[in-house]
Amino acid sequence: MAGLKGHFNSDTAAPPPPYSAQPNAYGTSSNAYQGAPPQQQTYNYQVPQPNVYQSPDPPYQPSSLAYPQPGGRSPYLRPQNGPQYASGPDTKYSPQPSPQLSGNSPRLQPQQSPNLVPQYSSNSQINMTNPAMTQPRTLHVYNSSSSKGTISDSDKTTTLYSYRTHSWSKPHLELHSTAQNTMIGTITFHSWSSNIDLTLHNQPITLNSNGWMQSGHKFITRAGAPGVQGELRWKTPGVMSADQVLLDQRDQVVAKWENSSWAMSKEGKLVLHGPSAAAGPLMDEVVLTRLAEMMYRKRQSAASSAGGGGVGGGGGGA
């Protein structure tokens, strides 16, 4: 104790707190601190302040190149072709008049747009240069009685054709042109043959059957229409369908027949496709062959109901 007392002076500092040996879980002794807990040290520091930008004095002035004053011209601006304006801070807006086009300029000439409504004349002449003629033309077939009928244009009021049927005399149908005021075609059926003989503008046309178990007929066109040559055939799209379509050698649609099954006085609609079929000799040919197909089916139906009459559908001779 004397040595410890001499080593630690009471004037300088107090001796450290005593330690005692205490046993631990492993059977050994460890020194446990018996004194007061140490004091927590505190720190004094200043929080740095953010730098605030101080604008220069005097205030910044924009460059005269980037922001030209009134009356000046910036080198960065490209000249425009629009109206010119007088310069100066006190000058009012005064655009100069733009140059006028001369009277011979093509921009001042009125442009005529094509007529979108097909124009057809009553004499069945066609304008091949009219683009609207490429649209389908619809004809309406009516029966005014059991032996008379008319064919009207798309407006349903202009009569283009009229026809008359004869049950027991030849020819069995006569087709008249309203514009020409004369008969232009005939149809003759045969009792024991499915072939049909036609005359159109004094030219013979024969409709032959498409074949065994096939409805419709085929024929060689004599109209001489551009793009429609060779053999044409009427074909039924379905087994039980009453509609038919007229195809050329390339299987392109020339005309379509839409049957009016429930109408009392209307047989159906004949839709003509393409400028060649919409007028002229080919339209006469399509109309006459369509009437032949229509009458052939009627005669077949009447012969089936009566129980006889042959292939051609009833009397009328060979």
C-alpha atoms as a PDB file:
ATOM      1  CA  MET A   1       0.000   0.000   0.000  1.00  0.00           C
ATOM      2  CA  ALA A   2       2.841   2.303   0.682  1.00  0.00           C
ATOM      3  CA  GLY A   3       4.135   1.754  -2.776  1.00  0.00           C
ATOM      4  CA  LEU A   4       0.794   2.385  -4.360  1.00  0.00           C
ATOM      5  CA  LYS A   5       0.231   5.461  -2.290  1.00  0.00           C
ATOM      6  CA  GLY A   6       3.526   6.823  -3.313  1.00  0.00           C
ATOM      7  CA  HIS A   7       2.842   6.141  -6.951  1.00  0.00           C
ATOM      8  CA  PHE A   8      -0.511   7.872  -7.073  1.00  0.00           C
ATOM      9  CA  ASN A   9      -0.501  11.370  -5.728  1.00  0.00           C
ATOM     10  CA  SER A  10      -3.677  12.702  -4.231  1.00  0.00           C
ATOM     11  CA  ASP A  11      -2.992  16.060  -5.860  1.00  0.00           C
ATOM     12  CA  THR A  12      -3.000  14.691  -9.382  1.00  0.00           C
ATOM     13  CA  ALA A  13      -5.718  11.997  -9.806  1.00  0.00           C
ATOM     14  CA  ALA A  14      -7.672   9.350  -7.971  1.00  0.00           C
ATOM     15  CA  PRO A  15      -6.600   5.693  -8.323  1.00  0.00           C
ATOM     16  CA  PRO A  16      -8.612   3.474 -10.674  1.00  0.00           C
ATOM     17  CA  PRO A  17     -11.564   1.601  -9.211  1.00  0.00           C
ATOM     18  CA  PRO A  18     -10.801  -1.771  -7.698  1.00  0.00           C
ATOM     19  CA  TYR A  19     -11.238  -4.961  -9.699  1.00  0.00           C
ATOM     20  CA  SER A  20     -12.238  -8.329  -8.338  1.00  0.00           C
ATOM     21  CA  ALA A  21     -11.817 -11.739  -9.797  1.00  0.00           C
ATOM     22  CA  GLN A  22     -15.156 -13.349 -10.446  1.00  0.00           C
ATOM     23  CA  PRO A  23     -15.668 -16.840 -11.867  1.00  0.00           C
ATOM     24  CA  ASN A  24     -17.264 -17.166 -15.288  1.00  0.00           C
ATOM     25  CA  ALA A  25     -19.173 -19.991 -16.961  1.00  0.00           C
ATOM     26  CA  TYR A  26     -15.940 -21.733 -17.898  1.00  0.00           C
ATOM     27  CA  GLY A  27     -14.568 -21.865 -14.346  1.00  0.00           C
ATOM     28  CA  THR A  28     -11.978 -19.174 -14.827  1.00  0.00           C
ATOM     29  CA  SER A  29     -11.867 -15.769 -13.299  1.00  0.00           C
ATOM     30  CA  SER A  30     -12.391 -12.503 -15.146  1.00  0.00           C
ATOM     31  CA  ASN A  31     -11.986  -8.966 -14.081  1.00  0.00           C
ATOM     32  CA  ALA A  32     -15.348  -7.189 -13.781  1.00  0.00           C
ATOM     33  CA  TYR A  33     -15.352  -3.440 -13.772  1.00  0.00           C
ATOM     34  CA  GLN A  34     -16.743  -2.136 -10.472  1.00  0.00           C
ATOM     35  CA  GLY A  35     -16.444   1.565 -11.026  1.00  0.00           C
ATOM     36  CA  ALA A  36     -18.786   4.200 -12.383  1.00  0.00           C
ATOM     37  CA  PRO A  37     -19.628   4.134 -16.164  1.00  0.00           C
ATOM     38  CA  PRO A  38     -17.499   6.352 -18.361  1.00  0.00           C
ATOM     39  CA  GLN A  39     -18.753   9.726 -19.365  1.00  0.00           C
ATOM     40  CA  GLN A  40     -20.070  10.172 -22.974  1.00  0.00           C
ATOM     41  CA  GLN A  41     -18.011  12.587 -24.958  1.00  0.00           C
ATOM     42  CA  THR A  42     -19.830  15.370 -26.792  1.00  0.00           C
ATOM     43  CA  TYR A  43     -18.729  17.154 -29.954  1.00  0.00           C
ATOM     44  CA  ASN A  44     -19.419  20.681 -31.067  1.00  0.00           C
ATOM     45  CA  TYR A  45     -19.355  21.264 -34.811  1.00  0.00           C
ATOM     46  CA  GLN A  46     -20.980  23.670 -37.247  1.00  0.00           C
ATOM     47  CA  VAL A  47     -23.339  22.564 -40.010  1.00  0.00           C
ATOM     48  CA  PRO A  48     -22.016  23.791 -43.365  1.00  0.00           C
ATOM     49  CA  GLN A  49     -24.283  26.241 -45.094  1.00  0.00           C
ATOM     50  CA  PRO A  50     -25.134  25.765 -48.813  1.00  0.00           C
ATOM     51  CA  ASN A  51     -23.499  28.096 -51.247  1.00  0.00           C
ATOM     52  CA  VAL A  52     -25.903  30.710 -52.550  1.00  0.00           C
ATOM     53  CA  TYR A  53     -25.158  32.079 -56.007  1.00  0.00           C
ATOM     54  CA  GLN A  54     -24.679  35.764 -55.911  1.00  0.00           C
ATOM     55  CA  SER A  55     -25.429  37.507 -59.172  1.00  0.00           C
ATOM     56  CA  PRO A  56     -22.729  39.826 -60.384  1.00  0.00           C
ATOM     57  CA  ASP A  57     -23.028  43.516 -60.032  1.00  0.00           C
ATOM     58  CA  PRO A  58     -24.009  45.150 -62.360  1.00  0.00           C
ATOM     59  CA  PRO A  59     -26.733  42.725 -63.669  1.00  0.00           C
ATOM     60  CA  TYR A  60     -25.908  40.526 -66.672  1.00  0.00           C
ATOM     61  CA  GLN A  61     -26.785  42.050 -70.026  1.00  0.00           C
ATOM     62  CA  PRO A  62     -27.741  39.733 -72.950  1.00  0.00           C
ATOM     63  CA  SER A  63     -25.598  39.654 -76.019  1.00  0.00           C
ATOM     64  CA  SER A  64     -26.679  41.758 -78.954  1.00  0.00           C
ATOM     65  CA  LEU A  65     -26.013  38.826 -81.320  1.00  0.00           C
ATOM     66  CA  ALA A  66     -28.405  36.425 -79.613  1.00  0.00           C
ATOM     67  CA  TYR A  67     -31.065  39.046 -78.885  1.00  0.00           C
ATOM     68  CA  PRO A  68     -30.988  41.735 -81.581  1.00  0.00           C
ATOM     69  CA  GLN A  69     -32.501  45.067 -80.791  1.00  0.00           C
ATOM     70  CA  PRO A  70     -35.406  46.392 -82.915  1.00  0.00           C
ATOM     71  CA  GLY A  71     -34.138  47.381 -86.294  1.00  0.00           C
ATOM     72  CA  GLY A  72     -31.151  45.040 -86.155  1.00  0.00           C
ATOM     73  CA  ARG A  73     -30.602  41.745 -87.982  1.00  0.00           C
ATOM     74  CA  SER A  74     -29.313  38.599 -86.315  1.00  0.00           C
ATOM     75  CA  PRO A  75     -26.717  36.556 -88.238  1.00  0.00           C
ATOM     76  CA  TYR A  76     -28.325  33.347 -86.918  1.00  0.00           C
ATOM     77  CA  LEU A  77     -31.684  33.946 -88.615  1.00  0.00           C
ATOM     78  CA  ARG A  78     -32.161  32.641 -92.139  1.00  0.00           C
ATOM     79  CA  PRO A  79     -34.010  34.796 -94.654  1.00  0.00           C
ATOM     80  CA  GLN A  80     -37.632  33.798 -95.182  1.00  0.00           C
ATOM     81  CA  ASN A  81     -39.641  33.920 -98.397  1.00  0.00           C
ATOM     82  CA  GLY A  82     -42.732  35.246 -96.693  1.00  0.00           C
ATOM     83  CA  PRO A  83     -43.949  38.849 -96.585  1.00  0.00           C
ATOM     84  CA  GLN A  84     -41.293  41.458 -95.855  1.00  0.00           C
ATOM     85  CA  TYR A  85     -41.661  43.868 -92.960  1.00  0.00           C
ATOM     86  CA  ALA A  86     -40.256  47.373 -92.608  1.00  0.00           C
ATOM     87  CA  SER A  87     -37.604  47.755 -89.898  1.00  0.00           C
ATOM     88  CA  GLY A  88     -37.538  50.242 -87.065  1.00  0.00           C
ATOM     89  CA  PRO A  89     -38.953  50.361 -83.535  1.00  0.00           C
ATOM     90  CA  ASP A  90     -41.804  52.709 -84.458  1.00  0.00           C
ATOM     91  CA  THR A  91     -42.798  51.097 -87.742  1.00  0.00           C
ATOM     92  CA  LYS A  92     -46.228  49.481 -87.845  1.00  0.00           C
ATOM     93  CA  TYR A  93     -46.954  46.119 -89.425  1.00  0.00           C
ATOM     94  CA  SER A  94     -47.090  46.570 -93.191  1.00  0.00           C
ATOM     95  CA  PRO A  95     -46.618  43.332 -95.163  1.00  0.00           C
ATOM     96  CA  GLN A  96     -45.800  43.720 -98.797  1.00  0.00           C
ATOM     97  CA  PRO A  97     -48.255  42.195-101.256  1.00  0.00           C
ATOM     98  CA  SER A  98     -47.313  38.727-102.497  1.00  0.00           C
ATOM     99  CA  PRO A  99     -46.809  38.271-106.244  1.00  0.00           C
ATOM    100  CA  GLN A 100     -49.940  37.258-108.102  1.00  0.00           C
ATOM    101  CA  LEU A 101     -50.079  34.317-110.464  1.00  0.00           C
ATOM    102  CA  SER A 102     -50.665  35.083-114.085  1.00  0.00           C
ATOM    103  CA  GLY A 103     -53.890  34.224-115.784  1.00  0.00           C
ATOM    104  CA  ASN A 104     -52.193  31.450-117.744  1.00  0.00           C
ATOM    105  CA  SER A 105     -51.007  29.643-114.610  1.00  0.00           C
ATOM    106  CA  PRO A 106     -52.289  26.066-114.402  1.00  0.00           C
ATOM    107  CA  ARG A 107     -53.036  26.559-110.715  1.00  0.00           C
ATOM    108  CA  LEU A 108     -55.773  29.037-111.558  1.00  0.00           C
ATOM    109  CA  GLN A 109     -57.473  26.757-114.036  1.00  0.00           C
ATOM    110  CA  PRO A 110     -60.597  25.046-112.639  1.00  0.00           C
ATOM    111  CA  GLN A 111     -60.215  21.300-112.295  1.00  0.00           C
ATOM    112  CA  GLN A 112     -63.179  19.129-113.198  1.00  0.00           C
ATOM    113  CA  SER A 113     -63.609  16.174-110.870  1.00  0.00           C
ATOM    114  CA  PRO A 114     -64.887  12.892-112.333  1.00  0.00           C
ATOM    115  CA  ASN A 115     -68.548  12.201-111.940  1.00  0.00           C
ATOM    116  CA  LEU A 116     -69.040   9.526-109.326  1.00  0.00           C
ATOM    117  CA  VAL A 117     -72.545   8.651-110.476  1.00  0.00           C
ATOM    118  CA  PRO A 118     -72.672   6.382-113.529  1.00  0.00           C
ATOM    119  CA  GLN A 119     -74.308   8.072-116.471  1.00  0.00           C
ATOM    120  CA  TYR A 120     -76.099   5.777-118.910  1.00  0.00           C
ATOM    121  CA  SER A 121     -77.972   6.793-121.984  1.00  0.00           C
ATOM    122  CA  SER A 122     -81.220   5.195-123.032  1.00  0.00           C
ATOM    123  CA  ASN A 123     -79.715   3.940-126.301  1.00  0.00           C
ATOM    124  CA  SER A 124     -77.262   1.728-124.359  1.00  0.00           C
ATOM    125  CA  GLN A 125     -74.167   3.639-125.516  1.00  0.00           C
ATOM    126  CA  ILE A 126     -71.225   3.670-123.151  1.00  0.00           C
ATOM    127  CA  ASN A 127     -68.553   6.239-122.410  1.00  0.00           C
ATOM    128  CA  MET A 128     -65.386   4.186-121.946  1.00  0.00           C
ATOM    129  CA  THR A 129     -63.427   7.183-120.600  1.00  0.00           C
ATOM    130  CA  ASN A 130     -65.779   7.782-117.677  1.00  0.00           C
ATOM    131  CA  PRO A 131     -64.256   6.148-114.559  1.00  0.00           C
ATOM    132  CA  ALA A 132     -67.692   5.891-112.952  1.00  0.00           C
ATOM    133  CA  MET A 133     -68.691   3.344-115.594  1.00  0.00           C
ATOM    134  CA  THR A 134     -66.541   0.767-113.832  1.00  0.00           C
ATOM    135  CA  GLN A 135     -69.164   0.614-111.102  1.00  0.00           C
ATOM    136  CA  PRO A 136     -71.759  -2.160-111.379  1.00  0.00           C
ATOM    137  CA  ARG A 137     -75.018  -1.324-113.123  1.00  0.00           C
ATOM    138  CA  THR A 138     -78.174  -2.876-111.724  1.00  0.00           C
ATOM    139  CA  LEU A 139     -81.183  -3.690-113.906  1.00  0.00           C
ATOM    140  CA  HIS A 140     -84.587  -4.607-112.460  1.00  0.00           C
ATOM    141  CA  VAL A 141     -86.740  -7.237-114.181  1.00  0.00           C
ATOM    142  CA  TYR A 142     -90.524  -6.970-113.668  1.00  0.00           C
ATOM    143  CA  ASN A 143     -93.464  -9.015-114.938  1.00  0.00           C
ATOM    144  CA  SER A 144     -96.536  -6.954-115.699  1.00  0.00           C
ATOM    145  CA  SER A 145     -98.573 -10.087-116.474  1.00  0.00           C
ATOM    146  CA  SER A 146     -98.061 -13.797-117.106  1.00  0.00           C
ATOM    147  CA  SER A 147     -96.861 -13.074-120.650  1.00  0.00           C
ATOM    148  CA  LYS A 148     -95.359  -9.567-120.457  1.00  0.00           C
ATOM    149  CA  GLY A 149     -92.506  -7.945-118.615  1.00  0.00           C
ATOM    150  CA  THR A 150     -90.189  -4.963-118.541  1.00  0.00           C
ATOM    151  CA  ILE A 151     -86.556  -4.343-117.609  1.00  0.00           C
ATOM    152  CA  SER A 152     -85.776  -1.017-115.928  1.00  0.00           C
ATOM    153  CA  ASP A 153     -82.558   0.832-115.280  1.00  0.00           C
ATOM    154  CA  SER A 154     -80.947   1.439-111.889  1.00  0.00           C
ATOM    155  CA  ASP A 155     -83.461   4.206-111.102  1.00  0.00           C
ATOM    156  CA  LYS A 156     -86.322   1.641-111.467  1.00  0.00           C
ATOM    157  CA  THR A 157     -88.284   4.099-113.602  1.00  0.00           C
ATOM    158  CA  THR A 158     -86.447   4.179-116.937  1.00  0.00           C
ATOM    159  CA  THR A 159     -87.572   1.238-119.068  1.00  0.00           C
ATOM    160  CA  LEU A 160     -84.752  -0.174-121.210  1.00  0.00           C
ATOM    161  CA  TYR A 161     -86.383  -3.379-122.525  1.00  0.00           C
ATOM    162  CA  SER A 162     -89.727  -5.085-122.748  1.00  0.00           C
ATOM    163  CA  TYR A 163     -90.462  -8.736-123.508  1.00  0.00           C
ATOM    164  CA  ARG A 164     -93.408 -10.903-124.415  1.00  0.00           C
ATOM    165  CA  THR A 165     -93.698 -14.683-124.003  1.00  0.00           C
ATOM    166  CA  HIS A 166     -95.596 -17.268-126.118  1.00  0.00           C
ATOM    167  CA  SER A 167     -96.354 -20.644-124.594  1.00  0.00           C
ATOM    168  CA  TRP A 168     -97.403 -22.565-127.733  1.00  0.00           C
ATOM    169  CA  SER A 169     -95.796 -20.728-130.606  1.00  0.00           C
ATOM    170  CA  LYS A 170     -92.287 -19.900-131.706  1.00  0.00           C
ATOM    171  CA  PRO A 171     -90.351 -17.960-130.797  1.00  0.00           C
ATOM    172  CA  HIS A 172     -91.218 -18.446-127.135  1.00  0.00           C
ATOM    173  CA  LEU A 173     -89.912 -15.004-126.148  1.00  0.00           C
ATOM    174  CA  GLU A 174     -89.419 -11.710-127.976  1.00  0.00           C
ATOM    175  CA  LEU A 175     -87.146  -8.990-126.611  1.00  0.00           C
ATOM    176  CA  HIS A 176     -87.778  -5.362-127.586  1.00  0.00           C
ATOM    177  CA  SER A 177     -85.485  -2.364-127.080  1.00  0.00           C
ATOM    178  CA  THR A 178     -87.291   0.727-125.811  1.00  0.00           C
ATOM    179  CA  ALA A 179     -84.690   3.102-127.255  1.00  0.00           C
ATOM    180  CA  GLN A 180     -84.695   1.476-130.693  1.00  0.00           C
ATOM    181  CA  ASN A 181     -88.436   0.722-130.564  1.00  0.00           C
ATOM    182  CA  THR A 182     -87.919  -2.605-132.284  1.00  0.00           C
ATOM    183  CA  MET A 183     -87.457  -6.293-131.532  1.00  0.00           C
ATOM    184  CA  ILE A 184     -83.766  -7.112-131.082  1.00  0.00           C
ATOM    185  CA  GLY A 185     -83.820 -10.757-129.934  1.00  0.00           C
ATOM    186  CA  THR A 186     -85.790 -14.007-129.693  1.00  0.00           C
ATOM    187  CA  ILE A 187     -85.636 -17.200-127.599  1.00  0.00           C
ATOM    188  CA  THR A 188     -86.730 -20.665-128.710  1.00  0.00           C
ATOM    189  CA  PHE A 189     -86.844 -23.774-126.495  1.00  0.00           C
ATOM    190  CA  HIS A 190     -86.904 -27.463-127.469  1.00  0.00           C
ATOM    191  CA  SER A 191     -89.002 -30.211-125.921  1.00  0.00           C
ATOM    192  CA  TRP A 192     -86.399 -32.997-125.902  1.00  0.00           C
ATOM    193  CA  SER A 193     -83.200 -30.965-125.647  1.00  0.00           C
ATOM    194  CA  SER A 194     -81.684 -28.689-123.040  1.00  0.00           C
ATOM    195  CA  ASN A 195     -80.188 -26.462-125.728  1.00  0.00           C
ATOM    196  CA  ILE A 196     -81.746 -23.051-126.320  1.00  0.00           C
ATOM    197  CA  ASP A 197     -81.617 -21.153-129.614  1.00  0.00           C
ATOM    198  CA  LEU A 198     -81.379 -17.367-129.573  1.00  0.00           C
ATOM    199  CA  THR A 199     -81.163 -14.625-132.128  1.00  0.00           C
ATOM    200  CA  LEU A 200     -79.749 -11.220-131.238  1.00  0.00           C
ATOM    201  CA  HIS A 201     -79.520  -8.463-133.838  1.00  0.00           C
ATOM    202  CA  ASN A 202     -80.106 -11.149-136.496  1.00  0.00           C
ATOM    203  CA  GLN A 203     -77.131 -13.189-135.214  1.00  0.00           C
ATOM    204  CA  PRO A 204     -77.719 -16.764-133.958  1.00  0.00           C
ATOM    205  CA  ILE A 205     -76.573 -17.755-130.461  1.00  0.00           C
ATOM    206  CA  THR A 206     -76.852 -21.283-129.038  1.00  0.00           C
ATOM    207  CA  LEU A 207     -77.005 -21.948-125.319  1.00  0.00           C
ATOM    208  CA  ASN A 208     -75.661 -25.404-124.478  1.00  0.00           C
ATOM    209  CA  SER A 209     -76.003 -27.163-121.148  1.00  0.00           C
ATOM    210  CA  ASN A 210     -73.026 -26.974-118.809  1.00  0.00           C
ATOM    211  CA  GLY A 211     -73.104 -30.739-118.467  1.00  0.00           C
ATOM    212  CA  TRP A 212     -74.789 -33.651-116.728  1.00  0.00           C
ATOM    213  CA  MET A 213     -76.042 -32.747-113.227  1.00  0.00           C
ATOM    214  CA  GLN A 214     -74.955 -29.119-113.731  1.00  0.00           C
ATOM    215  CA  SER A 215     -77.394 -26.248-113.958  1.00  0.00           C
ATOM    216  CA  GLY A 216     -76.982 -23.328-116.327  1.00  0.00           C
ATOM    217  CA  HIS A 217     -75.883 -22.899-119.919  1.00  0.00           C
ATOM    218  CA  LYS A 218     -72.801 -21.704-121.792  1.00  0.00           C
ATOM    219  CA  PHE A 219     -72.443 -19.842-125.080  1.00  0.00           C
ATOM    220  CA  ILE A 220     -69.940 -18.091-127.316  1.00  0.00           C
ATOM    221  CA  THR A 221     -70.255 -14.330-127.112  1.00  0.00           C
ATOM    222  CA  ARG A 222     -70.690 -12.409-130.353  1.00  0.00           C
ATOM    223  CA  ALA A 223     -70.731  -8.938-128.810  1.00  0.00           C
ATOM    224  CA  GLY A 224     -67.053  -8.255-129.511  1.00  0.00           C
ATOM    225  CA  ALA A 225     -66.700  -6.350-126.237  1.00  0.00           C
ATOM    226  CA  PRO A 226     -63.149  -5.495-125.142  1.00  0.00           C
ATOM    227  CA  GLY A 227     -61.854  -7.860-122.481  1.00  0.00           C
ATOM    228  CA  VAL A 228     -64.780 -10.273-122.803  1.00  0.00           C
ATOM    229  CA  GLN A 229     -64.188 -12.876-125.476  1.00  0.00           C
ATOM    230  CA  GLY A 230     -64.842 -16.547-126.062  1.00  0.00           C
ATOM    231  CA  GLU A 231     -67.117 -18.688-123.943  1.00  0.00           C
ATOM    232  CA  LEU A 232     -69.374 -17.346-121.202  1.00  0.00           C
ATOM    233  CA  ARG A 233     -71.385 -19.531-118.854  1.00  0.00           C
ATOM    234  CA  TRP A 234     -74.234 -19.054-116.416  1.00  0.00           C
ATOM    235  CA  LYS A 235     -73.515 -20.934-113.199  1.00  0.00           C
ATOM    236  CA  THR A 236     -75.502 -21.533-110.021  1.00  0.00           C
ATOM    237  CA  PRO A 237     -73.475 -20.835-106.860  1.00  0.00           C
ATOM    238  CA  GLY A 238     -75.397 -23.406-104.782  1.00  0.00           C
ATOM    239  CA  VAL A 239     -77.461 -26.545-105.269  1.00  0.00           C
ATOM    240  CA  MET A 240     -80.720 -25.050-103.984  1.00  0.00           C
ATOM    241  CA  SER A 241     -79.974 -21.452-104.951  1.00  0.00           C
ATOM    242  CA  ALA A 242     -82.075 -19.574-107.491  1.00  0.00           C
ATOM    243  CA  ASP A 243     -79.326 -17.002-108.042  1.00  0.00           C
ATOM    244  CA  GLN A 244     -76.815 -17.302-110.865  1.00  0.00           C
ATOM    245  CA  VAL A 245     -73.561 -15.723-111.964  1.00  0.00           C
ATOM    246  CA  LEU A 246     -72.157 -15.208-115.480  1.00  0.00           C
ATOM    247  CA  LEU A 247     -68.431 -15.995-115.747  1.00  0.00           C
ATOM    248  CA  ASP A 248     -65.953 -15.579-118.564  1.00  0.00           C
ATOM    249  CA  GLN A 249     -63.083 -17.898-119.510  1.00  0.00           C
ATOM    250  CA  ARG A 250     -60.919 -16.502-116.699  1.00  0.00           C
ATOM    251  CA  ASP A 251     -63.716 -17.050-114.143  1.00  0.00           C
ATOM    252  CA  GLN A 252     -64.189 -13.291-113.893  1.00  0.00           C
ATOM    253  CA  VAL A 253     -67.688 -12.119-113.018  1.00  0.00           C
ATOM    254  CA  VAL A 254     -69.506 -10.507-115.935  1.00  0.00           C
ATOM    255  CA  ALA A 255     -72.973 -10.334-114.359  1.00  0.00           C
ATOM    256  CA  LYS A 256     -74.920 -11.564-111.344  1.00  0.00           C
ATOM    257  CA  TRP A 257     -78.574 -12.529-111.081  1.00  0.00           C
ATOM    258  CA  GLU A 258     -80.360 -12.076-107.752  1.00  0.00           C
ATOM    259  CA  ASN A 259     -83.709 -13.811-107.775  1.00  0.00           C
ATOM    260  CA  SER A 260     -86.719 -12.205-106.063  1.00  0.00           C
ATOM    261  CA  SER A 261     -88.471 -15.274-104.710  1.00  0.00           C
ATOM    262  CA  TRP A 262     -91.122 -13.548-102.603  1.00  0.00           C
ATOM    263  CA  ALA A 263     -91.951 -10.618-104.880  1.00  0.00           C
ATOM    264  CA  MET A 264     -95.248 -10.756-106.773  1.00  0.00           C
ATOM    265  CA  SER A 265     -94.358  -8.555-109.736  1.00  0.00           C
ATOM    266  CA  LYS A 266     -90.563  -8.615-109.721  1.00  0.00           C
ATOM    267  CA  GLU A 267     -88.435 -11.418-111.122  1.00  0.00           C
ATOM    268  CA  GLY A 268     -85.102 -10.207-109.760  1.00  0.00           C
ATOM    269  CA  LYS A 269     -82.068  -7.956-110.238  1.00  0.00           C
ATOM    270  CA  LEU A 270     -79.406  -8.237-112.922  1.00  0.00           C
ATOM    271  CA  VAL A 271     -76.110  -6.677-111.815  1.00  0.00           C
ATOM    272  CA  LEU A 272     -73.720  -5.912-114.686  1.00  0.00           C
ATOM    273  CA  HIS A 273     -70.007  -5.743-113.829  1.00  0.00           C
ATOM    274  CA  GLY A 274     -67.431  -3.811-115.812  1.00  0.00           C
ATOM    275  CA  PRO A 275     -67.785  -1.158-118.508  1.00  0.00           C
ATOM    276  CA  SER A 276     -68.151  -3.725-121.296  1.00  0.00           C
ATOM    277  CA  ALA A 277     -71.241  -5.358-119.790  1.00  0.00           C
ATOM    278  CA  ALA A 278     -72.824  -2.134-118.524  1.00  0.00           C
ATOM    279  CA  ALA A 279     -73.965  -1.040-121.990  1.00  0.00           C
ATOM    280  CA  GLY A 280     -73.769  -1.823-125.687  1.00  0.00           C
ATOM    281  CA  PRO A 281     -74.079  -5.193-127.462  1.00  0.00           C
ATOM    282  CA  LEU A 282     -72.762  -7.198-124.508  1.00  0.00           C
ATOM    283  CA  MET A 283     -75.497  -5.839-122.252  1.00  0.00           C
ATOM    284  CA  ASP A 284     -78.116  -6.905-124.817  1.00  0.00           C
ATOM    285  CA  GLU A 285     -76.504 -10.345-124.913  1.00  0.00           C
ATOM    286  CA  VAL A 286     -76.436 -10.676-121.131  1.00  0.00           C
ATOM    287  CA  VAL A 287     -80.083  -9.594-120.839  1.00  0.00           C
ATOM    288  CA  LEU A 288     -81.288 -12.018-123.512  1.00  0.00           C
ATOM    289  CA  THR A 289     -79.367 -15.005-122.130  1.00  0.00           C
ATOM    290  CA  ARG A 290     -80.572 -14.140-118.622  1.00  0.00           C
ATOM    291  CA  LEU A 291     -84.178 -14.193-119.791  1.00  0.00           C
ATOM    292  CA  ALA A 292     -83.506 -17.551-121.456  1.00  0.00           C
ATOM    293  CA  GLU A 293     -82.212 -18.996-118.175  1.00  0.00           C
ATOM    294  CA  MET A 294     -85.169 -17.568-116.276  1.00  0.00           C
ATOM    295  CA  MET A 295     -87.766 -18.908-118.705  1.00  0.00           C
ATOM    296  CA  TYR A 296     -86.011 -22.296-118.903  1.00  0.00           C
ATOM    297  CA  ARG A 297     -86.376 -22.775-115.148  1.00  0.00           C
ATOM    298  CA  LYS A 298     -90.006 -21.723-115.227  1.00  0.00           C
ATOM    299  CA  ARG A 299     -90.786 -24.222-117.988  1.00  0.00           C
ATOM    300  CA  GLN A 300     -88.948 -26.968-116.089  1.00  0.00           C
ATOM    301  CA  SER A 301     -90.953 -26.213-112.945  1.00  0.00           C
ATOM    302  CA  ALA A 302     -94.235 -26.222-114.897  1.00  0.00           C
ATOM    303  CA  ALA A 303     -93.324 -29.515-116.619  1.00  0.00           C
ATOM    304  CA  SER A 304     -92.460 -31.149-113.288  1.00  0.00           C
ATOM    305  CA  SER A 305     -95.786 -30.056-111.812  1.00  0.00           C
ATOM    306  CA  ALA A 306     -97.690 -31.379-114.871  1.00  0.00           C
ATOM    307  CA  GLY A 307     -95.707 -34.624-114.949  1.00  0.00           C
ATOM    308  CA  GLY A 308     -94.290 -34.355-118.480  1.00  0.00           C
ATOM    309  CA  GLY A 309     -93.170 -32.084-121.239  1.00  0.00           C
ATOM    310  CA  GLY A 310     -89.602 -33.249-121.878  1.00  0.00           C
ATOM    311  CA  VAL A 311     -86.272 -31.697-121.117  1.00  0.00           C
ATOM    312  CA  GLY A 312     -87.122 -28.305-122.526  1.00  0.00           C
ATOM    313  CA  GLY A 313     -89.991 -27.939-120.109  1.00  0.00           C
ATOM    314  CA  GLY A 314     -93.235 -28.283-122.010  1.00  0.00           C
ATOM    315  CA  GLY A 315     -94.582 -27.949-125.485  1.00  0.00           C
ATOM    316  CA  GLY A 316     -93.541 -25.753-128.301  1.00  0.00           C
ATOM    317  CA  GLY A 317     -92.293 -28.311-130.798  1.00  0.00           C
ATOM    318  CA  ALA A 318     -88.853 -29.694-131.490  1.00  0.00           C
END
